Amino acid sequence: MINCAYELQYYLHCSEDVVIEELQMLCPPTVNGGDAWSLEDLVQIVFFEGVETNDTAVVYRTSQSVYKLGELDLRMKKNRRIWYSKRLLRSQIPRISNRASELCGQHLYAPLYAKPAREL
């Protein structure tokens, strides 16, 4: 589970030993305008940056709707970058890590984050 488009972009570029076939977006009622959370197939994420302003916006296109987060008025001059699309996902070649896997023993599939030790 990834929290935002920035994390998704990083994960797609840096992940190893995984094959990603599709992505879904979990939309809270504050985003989808409904009265319940919805799980929607993610189609595209586009980042917009104003040419004459410092405003930005991220537009999420899903199978059910389009959601814009950010202050940029999209009618103004802007630059855009596609951060994710189904076409880009299909063209991505999975990377295999160089780590030698051990045949015995326990393995972690995700990082464990250490909690700070309590002061005595």
C-alpha atoms as a PDB file:
ATOM      1  CA  MET A   1       0.000   0.000   0.000  1.00  0.00           C
ATOM      2  CA  ILE A   2       1.377   3.384  -1.007  1.00  0.00           C
ATOM      3  CA  ASN A   3       0.229   6.706   0.449  1.00  0.00           C
ATOM      4  CA  CYS A   4       0.651   9.178  -2.420  1.00  0.00           C
ATOM      5  CA  ALA A   5       1.732   9.701  -6.024  1.00  0.00           C
ATOM      6  CA  TYR A   6       5.283  10.596  -4.950  1.00  0.00           C
ATOM      7  CA  GLU A   7       5.713   7.246  -3.183  1.00  0.00           C
ATOM      8  CA  LEU A   8       4.172   5.413  -6.127  1.00  0.00           C
ATOM      9  CA  GLN A   9       6.559   7.043  -8.579  1.00  0.00           C
ATOM     10  CA  TYR A  10       9.530   6.139  -6.379  1.00  0.00           C
ATOM     11  CA  TYR A  11       8.313   2.546  -5.924  1.00  0.00           C
ATOM     12  CA  LEU A  12       7.756   2.009  -9.653  1.00  0.00           C
ATOM     13  CA  HIS A  13      11.275   3.230 -10.446  1.00  0.00           C
ATOM     14  CA  CYS A  14      13.122   1.480  -7.625  1.00  0.00           C
ATOM     15  CA  SER A  15      11.304  -1.781  -6.928  1.00  0.00           C
ATOM     16  CA  GLU A  16      13.072  -5.054  -7.543  1.00  0.00           C
ATOM     17  CA  ASP A  17      11.840  -8.641  -7.544  1.00  0.00           C
ATOM     18  CA  VAL A  18       8.182  -7.698  -8.094  1.00  0.00           C
ATOM     19  CA  VAL A  19       5.827  -7.672 -11.063  1.00  0.00           C
ATOM     20  CA  ILE A  20       3.107  -5.023 -10.940  1.00  0.00           C
ATOM     21  CA  GLU A  21       0.140  -5.872 -13.119  1.00  0.00           C
ATOM     22  CA  GLU A  22      -2.371  -3.201 -12.095  1.00  0.00           C
ATOM     23  CA  LEU A  23      -2.930  -0.515  -9.513  1.00  0.00           C
ATOM     24  CA  GLN A  24      -5.981   0.564  -7.604  1.00  0.00           C
ATOM     25  CA  MET A  25      -6.697   3.785  -5.756  1.00  0.00           C
ATOM     26  CA  LEU A  26      -8.557   3.828  -2.458  1.00  0.00           C
ATOM     27  CA  CYS A  27     -10.619   7.025  -2.468  1.00  0.00           C
ATOM     28  CA  PRO A  28     -12.025   8.451   0.776  1.00  0.00           C
ATOM     29  CA  PRO A  29     -15.423  10.198   0.775  1.00  0.00           C
ATOM     30  CA  THR A  30     -13.674  13.582   0.964  1.00  0.00           C
ATOM     31  CA  VAL A  31     -12.122  12.876  -2.455  1.00  0.00           C
ATOM     32  CA  ASN A  32     -14.827  10.887  -4.262  1.00  0.00           C
ATOM     33  CA  GLY A  33     -17.738  13.007  -3.013  1.00  0.00           C
ATOM     34  CA  GLY A  34     -19.696   9.954  -1.889  1.00  0.00           C
ATOM     35  CA  ASP A  35     -20.646   8.684   1.531  1.00  0.00           C
ATOM     36  CA  ALA A  36     -18.239   5.703   1.551  1.00  0.00           C
ATOM     37  CA  TRP A  37     -14.716   4.788   0.524  1.00  0.00           C
ATOM     38  CA  SER A  38     -14.306   3.400  -3.001  1.00  0.00           C
ATOM     39  CA  LEU A  39     -11.639   1.184  -4.566  1.00  0.00           C
ATOM     40  CA  GLU A  40     -11.090   2.191  -8.195  1.00  0.00           C
ATOM     41  CA  ASP A  41      -8.740   1.010 -10.949  1.00  0.00           C
ATOM     42  CA  LEU A  42      -6.039   3.631 -11.477  1.00  0.00           C
ATOM     43  CA  VAL A  43      -5.703   4.699 -15.115  1.00  0.00           C
ATOM     44  CA  GLN A  44      -3.350   7.709 -15.019  1.00  0.00           C
ATOM     45  CA  ILE A  45      -1.646  10.230 -12.740  1.00  0.00           C
ATOM     46  CA  VAL A  46      -0.577  13.567 -14.245  1.00  0.00           C
ATOM     47  CA  PHE A  47       1.422  16.254 -12.422  1.00  0.00           C
ATOM     48  CA  PHE A  48       0.797  19.862 -13.502  1.00  0.00           C
ATOM     49  CA  GLU A  49       3.018  22.833 -12.662  1.00  0.00           C
ATOM     50  CA  GLY A  50       2.075  26.436 -13.415  1.00  0.00           C
ATOM     51  CA  VAL A  51       4.306  28.349 -15.830  1.00  0.00           C
ATOM     52  CA  GLU A  52       3.608  31.785 -14.344  1.00  0.00           C
ATOM     53  CA  THR A  53       2.796  30.648 -10.799  1.00  0.00           C
ATOM     54  CA  ASN A  54       4.243  28.266  -8.230  1.00  0.00           C
ATOM     55  CA  ASP A  55       0.934  26.401  -7.987  1.00  0.00           C
ATOM     56  CA  THR A  56       0.784  22.695  -8.726  1.00  0.00           C
ATOM     57  CA  ALA A  57      -1.888  20.029  -9.107  1.00  0.00           C
ATOM     58  CA  VAL A  58      -1.987  16.263  -9.394  1.00  0.00           C
ATOM     59  CA  VAL A  59      -4.817  14.741 -11.436  1.00  0.00           C
ATOM     60  CA  TYR A  60      -5.782  11.128 -10.756  1.00  0.00           C
ATOM     61  CA  ARG A  61      -7.845   9.441 -13.494  1.00  0.00           C
ATOM     62  CA  THR A  62      -9.549   6.246 -12.353  1.00  0.00           C
ATOM     63  CA  SER A  63     -11.999   3.849 -13.946  1.00  0.00           C
ATOM     64  CA  GLN A  64     -14.853   5.734 -12.282  1.00  0.00           C
ATOM     65  CA  SER A  65     -13.871   9.404 -12.158  1.00  0.00           C
ATOM     66  CA  VAL A  66     -11.174  12.090 -12.313  1.00  0.00           C
ATOM     67  CA  TYR A  67      -9.812  13.716  -9.130  1.00  0.00           C
ATOM     68  CA  LYS A  68      -7.730  16.885  -8.956  1.00  0.00           C
ATOM     69  CA  LEU A  69      -5.685  17.671  -5.866  1.00  0.00           C
ATOM     70  CA  GLY A  70      -3.887  20.998  -5.720  1.00  0.00           C
ATOM     71  CA  GLU A  71      -4.434  24.716  -6.228  1.00  0.00           C
ATOM     72  CA  LEU A  72      -3.380  25.142  -9.871  1.00  0.00           C
ATOM     73  CA  ASP A  73      -6.139  26.398 -12.182  1.00  0.00           C
ATOM     74  CA  LEU A  74      -5.795  23.999 -15.122  1.00  0.00           C
ATOM     75  CA  ARG A  75      -7.051  26.679 -17.553  1.00  0.00           C
ATOM     76  CA  MET A  76      -3.758  28.582 -17.021  1.00  0.00           C
ATOM     77  CA  LYS A  77      -0.441  27.948 -18.808  1.00  0.00           C
ATOM     78  CA  LYS A  78       1.178  24.865 -17.343  1.00  0.00           C
ATOM     79  CA  ASN A  79       3.702  22.112 -17.820  1.00  0.00           C
ATOM     80  CA  ARG A  80       2.678  18.518 -17.316  1.00  0.00           C
ATOM     81  CA  ARG A  81       4.377  15.225 -16.599  1.00  0.00           C
ATOM     82  CA  ILE A  82       2.731  11.836 -16.689  1.00  0.00           C
ATOM     83  CA  TRP A  83       3.751  10.076 -13.499  1.00  0.00           C
ATOM     84  CA  TYR A  84       1.775   6.907 -14.117  1.00  0.00           C
ATOM     85  CA  SER A  85      -0.298   5.353 -16.865  1.00  0.00           C
ATOM     86  CA  LYS A  86      -1.358   1.829 -17.720  1.00  0.00           C
ATOM     87  CA  ARG A  87       0.757   2.068 -20.880  1.00  0.00           C
ATOM     88  CA  LEU A  88       3.851   2.996 -18.859  1.00  0.00           C
ATOM     89  CA  LEU A  89       3.159   0.159 -16.439  1.00  0.00           C
ATOM     90  CA  ARG A  90       2.889  -2.383 -19.272  1.00  0.00           C
ATOM     91  CA  SER A  91       6.149  -1.154 -20.801  1.00  0.00           C
ATOM     92  CA  GLN A  92       8.040  -1.467 -17.524  1.00  0.00           C
ATOM     93  CA  ILE A  93      10.506  -4.352 -17.391  1.00  0.00           C
ATOM     94  CA  PRO A  94      10.722  -5.948 -13.932  1.00  0.00           C
ATOM     95  CA  ARG A  95      14.190  -5.841 -12.367  1.00  0.00           C
ATOM     96  CA  ILE A  96      15.717  -8.756 -10.560  1.00  0.00           C
ATOM     97  CA  SER A  97      17.978  -7.928  -7.638  1.00  0.00           C
ATOM     98  CA  ASN A  98      21.575  -9.106  -7.420  1.00  0.00           C
ATOM     99  CA  ARG A  99      21.118 -10.540  -3.947  1.00  0.00           C
ATOM    100  CA  ALA A 100      21.882 -14.197  -3.633  1.00  0.00           C
ATOM    101  CA  SER A 101      18.910 -15.858  -2.010  1.00  0.00           C
ATOM    102  CA  GLU A 102      19.548 -18.295   0.777  1.00  0.00           C
ATOM    103  CA  LEU A 103      17.674 -21.546   0.599  1.00  0.00           C
ATOM    104  CA  CYS A 104      17.259 -21.856   4.338  1.00  0.00           C
ATOM    105  CA  GLY A 105      16.459 -19.424   7.096  1.00  0.00           C
ATOM    106  CA  GLN A 106      13.937 -16.656   7.487  1.00  0.00           C
ATOM    107  CA  HIS A 107      13.601 -13.710   5.142  1.00  0.00           C
ATOM    108  CA  LEU A 108      11.965 -10.299   5.479  1.00  0.00           C
ATOM    109  CA  TYR A 109       9.866  -9.151   2.550  1.00  0.00           C
ATOM    110  CA  ALA A 110       9.598  -5.535   3.730  1.00  0.00           C
ATOM    111  CA  PRO A 111      11.705  -3.266   5.935  1.00  0.00           C
ATOM    112  CA  LEU A 112      11.099  -3.168   9.652  1.00  0.00           C
ATOM    113  CA  TYR A 113      11.294   0.297  11.126  1.00  0.00           C
ATOM    114  CA  ALA A 114      12.846   0.361  14.563  1.00  0.00           C
ATOM    115  CA  LYS A 115      11.015   2.325  17.209  1.00  0.00           C
ATOM    116  CA  PRO A 116      13.206   4.657  19.276  1.00  0.00           C
ATOM    117  CA  ALA A 117      14.210   3.200  22.627  1.00  0.00           C
ATOM    118  CA  ARG A 118      12.385   4.606  25.627  1.00  0.00           C
ATOM    119  CA  GLU A 119      14.452   6.750  27.892  1.00  0.00           C
ATOM    120  CA  LEU A 120      14.905   5.377  31.409  1.00  0.00           C
END
